[in-house]
Protein backbone atom coordinates (compact mmCIF):
# COMPACT_ATOMS: atom_id res chain seq x y z
CA MET A 1 -20.43 -4.56 101.86
CA ASP A 2 -21.89 -7.60 100.91
CA ILE A 3 -19.82 -8.96 97.78
CA GLY A 4 -21.14 -12.33 98.07
CA ARG A 5 -24.51 -11.66 96.39
CA THR A 6 -24.68 -11.81 92.91
CA GLU A 7 -28.40 -11.48 92.25
CA GLY A 8 -28.15 -8.02 90.12
CA ALA A 9 -29.55 -7.63 86.93
CA GLY A 10 -30.73 -10.92 87.51
CA GLY A 11 -27.96 -12.90 88.68
CA PRO A 12 -26.37 -15.43 88.41
CA GLN A 13 -27.31 -18.95 85.65
CA ARG A 14 -26.57 -21.85 85.76
CA VAL A 15 -25.28 -23.15 82.05
CA GLU A 16 -27.55 -25.67 80.95
CA PRO A 17 -26.57 -28.91 78.20
CA ASN A 18 -29.93 -28.89 76.77
CA ARG A 19 -29.91 -24.92 76.60
CA VAL A 20 -26.67 -24.09 74.82
CA GLN A 21 -27.29 -24.48 71.07
CA PRO A 22 -24.24 -25.11 68.53
CA ALA A 23 -22.87 -22.35 66.91
CA ARG A 24 -24.06 -22.57 63.53
CA PRO A 25 -21.06 -22.48 60.51
CA PRO A 26 -20.79 -19.24 58.83
CA GLU A 27 -22.27 -18.82 56.19
CA ALA A 28 -19.65 -19.79 52.33
CA ALA A 29 -18.97 -15.87 52.00
CA PRO A 30 -19.77 -15.22 47.33
CA ILE A 31 -16.97 -16.29 45.83
CA MET A 32 -15.00 -13.00 44.57
CA PRO A 33 -11.95 -13.39 42.57
CA SER A 34 -9.60 -12.61 44.21
CA ASP A 35 -6.49 -9.69 43.17
CA ARG A 36 -3.54 -10.29 42.43
CA LEU A 37 -0.67 -8.38 41.46
CA ASP A 38 1.93 -9.40 39.36
CA ILE A 39 5.34 -7.28 39.24
CA ALA A 40 6.99 -9.40 36.29
CA ASP A 41 6.53 -6.21 34.49
CA VAL A 42 7.99 -4.17 36.57
CA ALA A 43 11.18 -6.67 37.57
CA ARG A 44 11.22 -6.05 33.79
CA LEU A 45 11.21 -2.09 34.16
CA ILE A 46 13.91 -1.74 36.76
CA ALA A 47 15.78 -4.39 34.72
CA GLU A 48 16.20 -2.19 32.08
CA ALA A 49 16.68 0.85 33.17
CA ILE A 50 19.19 -0.72 35.46
CA SER A 51 21.46 -1.94 31.97
CA LEU A 52 21.09 1.41 30.48
CA PRO A 53 23.81 2.84 29.56
CA SER A 54 25.72 5.41 32.48
CA VAL A 55 24.33 9.58 30.81
CA ARG A 56 26.99 10.73 28.73
CA PHE A 57 28.06 14.18 30.46
CA ASP A 58 29.96 15.08 27.30
CA ARG A 59 26.68 14.25 24.62
CA ILE A 60 25.06 16.52 27.33
CA ALA A 61 27.00 19.43 26.89
CA GLU A 62 27.87 19.06 23.12
CA ILE A 63 23.80 19.80 23.03
CA LYS A 64 23.93 22.44 25.55
CA ARG A 65 26.87 24.09 23.49
CA GLN A 66 24.65 24.19 20.42
CA ILE A 67 21.61 24.98 22.20
CA ASP A 68 23.17 28.79 23.11
CA CYS A 69 24.21 28.95 19.42
CA GLY A 70 21.13 28.55 18.10
CA THR A 71 22.70 25.34 15.93
CA TYR A 72 20.70 22.51 18.20
CA GLN A 73 18.04 21.17 15.27
CA THR A 74 14.94 19.67 17.28
CA ASP A 75 12.33 18.28 14.88
CA ALA A 76 9.83 21.38 15.31
CA LYS A 77 11.68 23.65 14.16
CA LEU A 78 12.61 21.73 10.82
CA THR A 79 9.11 21.32 10.65
CA ARG A 80 8.70 24.81 10.91
CA ALA A 81 11.52 25.53 9.08
CA LEU A 82 9.31 22.42 6.45
CA GLU A 83 5.97 24.61 6.58
CA ASN A 84 8.08 28.15 5.66
CA PHE A 85 9.60 26.89 2.56
CA LEU A 86 7.12 25.42 1.37
CA ARG A 87 4.42 28.31 1.62
CA GLU A 88 7.93 30.92 0.37
CA ASN A 89 7.76 28.30 -2.77
CA ASP A 90 4.14 27.14 -3.56
CA GLY A 91 4.96 26.73 -7.03
CA LEU A 92 7.17 23.73 -6.54
């Protein structure tokens, strides 16, 4: 086996300085607006969340008690009551 022969597909070729073409600079890509990340809003929301008071368990327990007793008033309940009142007292 003769591994010294290099006549394969075209064989070795000598690099001639006059045959080498200088590399062309790549064409400039069009200037596109860059992506932007603005974390100021996120940071503000995080700061507000951190500054919120701790959970008022006593208030939650009171609201749960009112809901269980049926005495907790919500905007929906008050609106429904007002609509019923106005319907029943059409002459007022």
